Amino acid sequence: MNPRVKTVVATEGYKLEITFSNGEVGVYDCAPLLDFGVFGELRDINYFQQARVESDTVAWPHEQDICPDTLYEDSKKLISK
């Protein structure tokens, strides 16, 4: 099992800076998701900024979430342990 999300900060350009449970920090680009179904709502930058950790992954108020394995595997790592 991959590490899970401990903290998340929504940054410019529809990116998430994520700290994982193993101490690694990565950046996940959400821009490719913005044209897919429920993720279209994330185009509203004020809504995107409401990203939070819920059930060990990233979620938004209207129940959009991203698989924690996808977040880990597809994020560009800034800090590795």
N, C-alpha and C. Protein backbone atom coordinates (compact mmCIF):
# COMPACT_ATOMS: atom_id res chain seq x y z
N MET A 1 0.84 -1.18 0.00
CA MET A 1 0.00 0.00 0.00
C MET A 1 0.89 1.24 0.00
N ASN A 2 0.53 2.20 -0.82
CA ASN A 2 1.26 3.46 -0.88
C ASN A 2 0.97 4.32 0.35
N PRO A 3 1.86 5.29 0.62
CA PRO A 3 1.60 6.22 1.72
C PRO A 3 0.30 6.99 1.49
N ARG A 4 -0.25 7.49 2.56
CA ARG A 4 -1.51 8.24 2.50
C ARG A 4 -1.24 9.73 2.74
N VAL A 5 -2.23 10.54 2.45
CA VAL A 5 -2.11 11.99 2.55
C VAL A 5 -2.22 12.42 4.02
N LYS A 6 -1.25 13.23 4.45
CA LYS A 6 -1.28 13.80 5.81
C LYS A 6 -1.71 15.26 5.77
N THR A 7 -1.15 16.04 4.81
CA THR A 7 -1.54 17.45 4.67
C THR A 7 -1.62 17.79 3.20
N VAL A 8 -2.41 18.83 2.90
CA VAL A 8 -2.53 19.31 1.52
C VAL A 8 -2.66 20.82 1.53
N VAL A 9 -2.01 21.45 0.55
CA VAL A 9 -2.14 22.89 0.33
C VAL A 9 -2.41 23.08 -1.15
N ALA A 10 -3.53 23.74 -1.48
CA ALA A 10 -3.84 24.07 -2.87
C ALA A 10 -2.99 25.27 -3.27
N THR A 11 -2.28 25.16 -4.40
CA THR A 11 -1.40 26.22 -4.85
C THR A 11 -1.84 26.71 -6.23
N GLU A 12 -1.10 27.67 -6.76
CA GLU A 12 -1.44 28.23 -8.08
C GLU A 12 -1.36 27.17 -9.17
N GLY A 13 -2.09 27.42 -10.24
CA GLY A 13 -2.04 26.52 -11.39
C GLY A 13 -2.72 25.20 -11.17
N TYR A 14 -3.68 25.16 -10.25
CA TYR A 14 -4.44 23.94 -9.95
C TYR A 14 -3.54 22.79 -9.51
N LYS A 15 -2.58 23.12 -8.67
CA LYS A 15 -1.67 22.11 -8.13
C LYS A 15 -1.92 21.94 -6.64
N LEU A 16 -1.63 20.74 -6.17
CA LEU A 16 -1.73 20.43 -4.75
C LEU A 16 -0.35 20.07 -4.23
N GLU A 17 0.07 20.70 -3.15
CA GLU A 17 1.30 20.30 -2.49
C GLU A 17 0.90 19.38 -1.33
N ILE A 18 1.37 18.15 -1.40
CA ILE A 18 0.89 17.11 -0.50
C ILE A 18 2.05 16.55 0.32
N THR A 19 1.83 16.43 1.62
CA THR A 19 2.76 15.70 2.47
C THR A 19 2.13 14.35 2.73
N PHE A 20 2.92 13.31 2.46
CA PHE A 20 2.44 11.94 2.62
C PHE A 20 2.88 11.35 3.96
N SER A 21 2.25 10.27 4.34
CA SER A 21 2.49 9.66 5.66
C SER A 21 3.91 9.14 5.84
N ASN A 22 4.66 8.98 4.77
CA ASN A 22 6.06 8.53 4.88
C ASN A 22 7.03 9.71 4.92
N GLY A 23 6.51 10.94 4.96
CA GLY A 23 7.35 12.13 5.03
C GLY A 23 7.68 12.74 3.69
N GLU A 24 7.38 12.05 2.60
CA GLU A 24 7.63 12.62 1.28
C GLU A 24 6.65 13.76 1.00
N VAL A 25 7.12 14.73 0.23
CA VAL A 25 6.27 15.84 -0.20
C VAL A 25 6.25 15.83 -1.72
N GLY A 26 5.07 15.96 -2.29
CA GLY A 26 4.95 15.96 -3.74
C GLY A 26 3.94 16.99 -4.21
N VAL A 27 4.03 17.29 -5.51
CA VAL A 27 3.08 18.21 -6.13
C VAL A 27 2.28 17.42 -7.17
N TYR A 28 0.97 17.50 -7.03
CA TYR A 28 0.05 16.83 -7.95
C TYR A 28 -0.67 17.89 -8.77
N ASP A 29 -0.63 17.75 -10.09
CA ASP A 29 -1.27 18.70 -11.01
C ASP A 29 -2.69 18.25 -11.29
N CYS A 30 -3.67 19.04 -10.86
CA CYS A 30 -5.08 18.72 -11.08
C CYS A 30 -5.62 19.23 -12.41
N ALA A 31 -4.85 20.05 -13.13
CA ALA A 31 -5.34 20.66 -14.37
C ALA A 31 -5.93 19.64 -15.35
N PRO A 32 -5.30 18.47 -15.54
CA PRO A 32 -5.89 17.50 -16.48
C PRO A 32 -7.27 16.98 -16.07
N LEU A 33 -7.63 17.11 -14.82
CA LEU A 33 -8.93 16.61 -14.35
C LEU A 33 -10.08 17.57 -14.61
N LEU A 34 -9.77 18.83 -14.88
CA LEU A 34 -10.79 19.88 -14.91
C LEU A 34 -11.85 19.70 -15.99
N ASP A 35 -11.60 18.87 -16.99
CA ASP A 35 -12.56 18.62 -18.06
C ASP A 35 -13.35 17.33 -17.85
N PHE A 36 -13.20 16.71 -16.68
CA PHE A 36 -13.87 15.45 -16.43
C PHE A 36 -14.97 15.57 -15.38
N GLY A 37 -16.20 15.41 -15.81
CA GLY A 37 -17.37 15.29 -14.93
C GLY A 37 -17.35 16.16 -13.70
N VAL A 38 -17.40 15.51 -12.54
CA VAL A 38 -17.52 16.23 -11.27
C VAL A 38 -16.33 17.13 -10.97
N PHE A 39 -15.20 16.88 -11.61
CA PHE A 39 -14.01 17.70 -11.34
C PHE A 39 -14.08 19.07 -12.01
N GLY A 40 -15.01 19.28 -12.92
CA GLY A 40 -15.17 20.57 -13.57
C GLY A 40 -15.40 21.70 -12.59
N GLU A 41 -16.03 21.39 -11.47
CA GLU A 41 -16.29 22.40 -10.45
C GLU A 41 -14.99 22.97 -9.87
N LEU A 42 -13.91 22.21 -9.97
CA LEU A 42 -12.62 22.67 -9.44
C LEU A 42 -12.05 23.84 -10.24
N ARG A 43 -12.60 24.11 -11.43
CA ARG A 43 -12.14 25.27 -12.22
C ARG A 43 -12.32 26.58 -11.45
N ASP A 44 -13.31 26.62 -10.58
CA ASP A 44 -13.53 27.79 -9.72
C ASP A 44 -12.39 27.78 -8.69
N ILE A 45 -11.45 28.70 -8.84
CA ILE A 45 -10.24 28.69 -8.01
C ILE A 45 -10.57 28.81 -6.53
N ASN A 46 -11.63 29.54 -6.20
CA ASN A 46 -12.02 29.65 -4.79
C ASN A 46 -12.48 28.30 -4.24
N TYR A 47 -13.16 27.55 -5.06
CA TYR A 47 -13.58 26.21 -4.65
C TYR A 47 -12.37 25.28 -4.59
N PHE A 48 -11.49 25.35 -5.59
CA PHE A 48 -10.29 24.51 -5.60
C PHE A 48 -9.48 24.70 -4.32
N GLN A 49 -9.41 25.95 -3.85
CA GLN A 49 -8.64 26.27 -2.64
C GLN A 49 -9.21 25.62 -1.38
N GLN A 50 -10.39 25.05 -1.46
CA GLN A 50 -11.01 24.40 -0.31
C GLN A 50 -10.58 22.94 -0.14
N ALA A 51 -9.58 22.53 -0.87
CA ALA A 51 -9.06 21.16 -0.75
C ALA A 51 -8.68 20.88 0.70
N ARG A 52 -9.00 19.67 1.15
CA ARG A 52 -8.71 19.28 2.53
C ARG A 52 -8.40 17.78 2.58
N VAL A 53 -7.82 17.35 3.67
CA VAL A 53 -7.57 15.92 3.88
C VAL A 53 -8.81 15.30 4.50
N GLU A 54 -9.25 14.23 3.87
CA GLU A 54 -10.40 13.49 4.39
C GLU A 54 -10.18 12.02 4.07
N SER A 55 -10.27 11.17 5.07
CA SER A 55 -10.09 9.72 4.89
C SER A 55 -8.77 9.39 4.18
N ASP A 56 -7.70 10.07 4.60
CA ASP A 56 -6.34 9.83 4.10
C ASP A 56 -6.13 10.20 2.63
N THR A 57 -6.98 11.04 2.07
CA THR A 57 -6.80 11.52 0.71
C THR A 57 -7.24 12.98 0.63
N VAL A 58 -7.24 13.54 -0.58
CA VAL A 58 -7.66 14.92 -0.79
C VAL A 58 -9.12 14.92 -1.25
N ALA A 59 -9.90 15.81 -0.65
CA ALA A 59 -11.32 15.91 -1.01
C ALA A 59 -11.75 17.38 -0.98
N TRP A 60 -12.91 17.63 -1.60
CA TRP A 60 -13.52 18.97 -1.63
C TRP A 60 -14.93 18.86 -1.07
N PRO A 61 -15.55 20.00 -0.74
CA PRO A 61 -16.84 20.00 -0.06
C PRO A 61 -17.97 19.23 -0.77
N HIS A 62 -17.97 19.20 -2.09
CA HIS A 62 -19.06 18.52 -2.79
C HIS A 62 -18.70 17.08 -3.14
N GLU A 63 -17.83 16.49 -2.33
CA GLU A 63 -17.49 15.07 -2.37
C GLU A 63 -16.58 14.64 -3.51
N GLN A 64 -15.95 15.58 -4.22
CA GLN A 64 -14.93 15.17 -5.17
C GLN A 64 -13.72 14.70 -4.36
N ASP A 65 -13.10 13.63 -4.79
CA ASP A 65 -11.86 13.20 -4.18
C ASP A 65 -11.00 12.49 -5.21
N ILE A 66 -9.75 12.30 -4.87
CA ILE A 66 -8.79 11.66 -5.76
C ILE A 66 -8.18 10.49 -5.00
N CYS A 67 -8.07 9.36 -5.66
CA CYS A 67 -7.51 8.16 -5.05
C CYS A 67 -6.13 8.48 -4.47
N PRO A 68 -5.87 8.11 -3.21
CA PRO A 68 -4.58 8.40 -2.61
C PRO A 68 -3.42 7.72 -3.33
N ASP A 69 -3.65 6.55 -3.92
CA ASP A 69 -2.59 5.89 -4.69
C ASP A 69 -2.23 6.71 -5.92
N THR A 70 -3.23 7.27 -6.59
CA THR A 70 -2.98 8.12 -7.75
C THR A 70 -2.20 9.36 -7.33
N LEU A 71 -2.60 9.98 -6.23
CA LEU A 71 -1.89 11.17 -5.76
C LEU A 71 -0.42 10.87 -5.50
N TYR A 72 -0.15 9.73 -4.88
CA TYR A 72 1.23 9.38 -4.56
C TYR A 72 2.02 9.03 -5.82
N GLU A 73 1.46 8.16 -6.63
CA GLU A 73 2.19 7.67 -7.80
C GLU A 73 2.41 8.75 -8.86
N ASP A 74 1.46 9.68 -9.00
CA ASP A 74 1.54 10.67 -10.07
C ASP A 74 2.07 12.04 -9.62
N SER A 75 2.38 12.19 -8.35
CA SER A 75 2.91 13.49 -7.89
C SER A 75 4.41 13.57 -8.15
N LYS A 76 4.84 14.79 -8.43
CA LYS A 76 6.27 15.06 -8.59
C LYS A 76 6.83 15.28 -7.20
N LYS A 77 7.75 14.42 -6.78
CA LYS A 77 8.27 14.48 -5.42
C LYS A 77 9.25 15.62 -5.26
N LEU A 78 9.04 16.42 -4.21
CA LEU A 78 9.92 17.52 -3.86
C LEU A 78 10.92 17.09 -2.79
N ILE A 79 10.42 16.30 -1.84
CA ILE A 79 11.25 15.80 -0.75
C ILE A 79 10.99 14.30 -0.64
N SER A 80 12.07 13.54 -0.62
CA SER A 80 11.95 12.09 -0.46
C SER A 80 12.68 11.67 0.79
N LYS A 81 12.18 10.63 1.40
CA LYS A 81 12.85 10.06 2.57
C LYS A 81 13.49 8.75 2.20
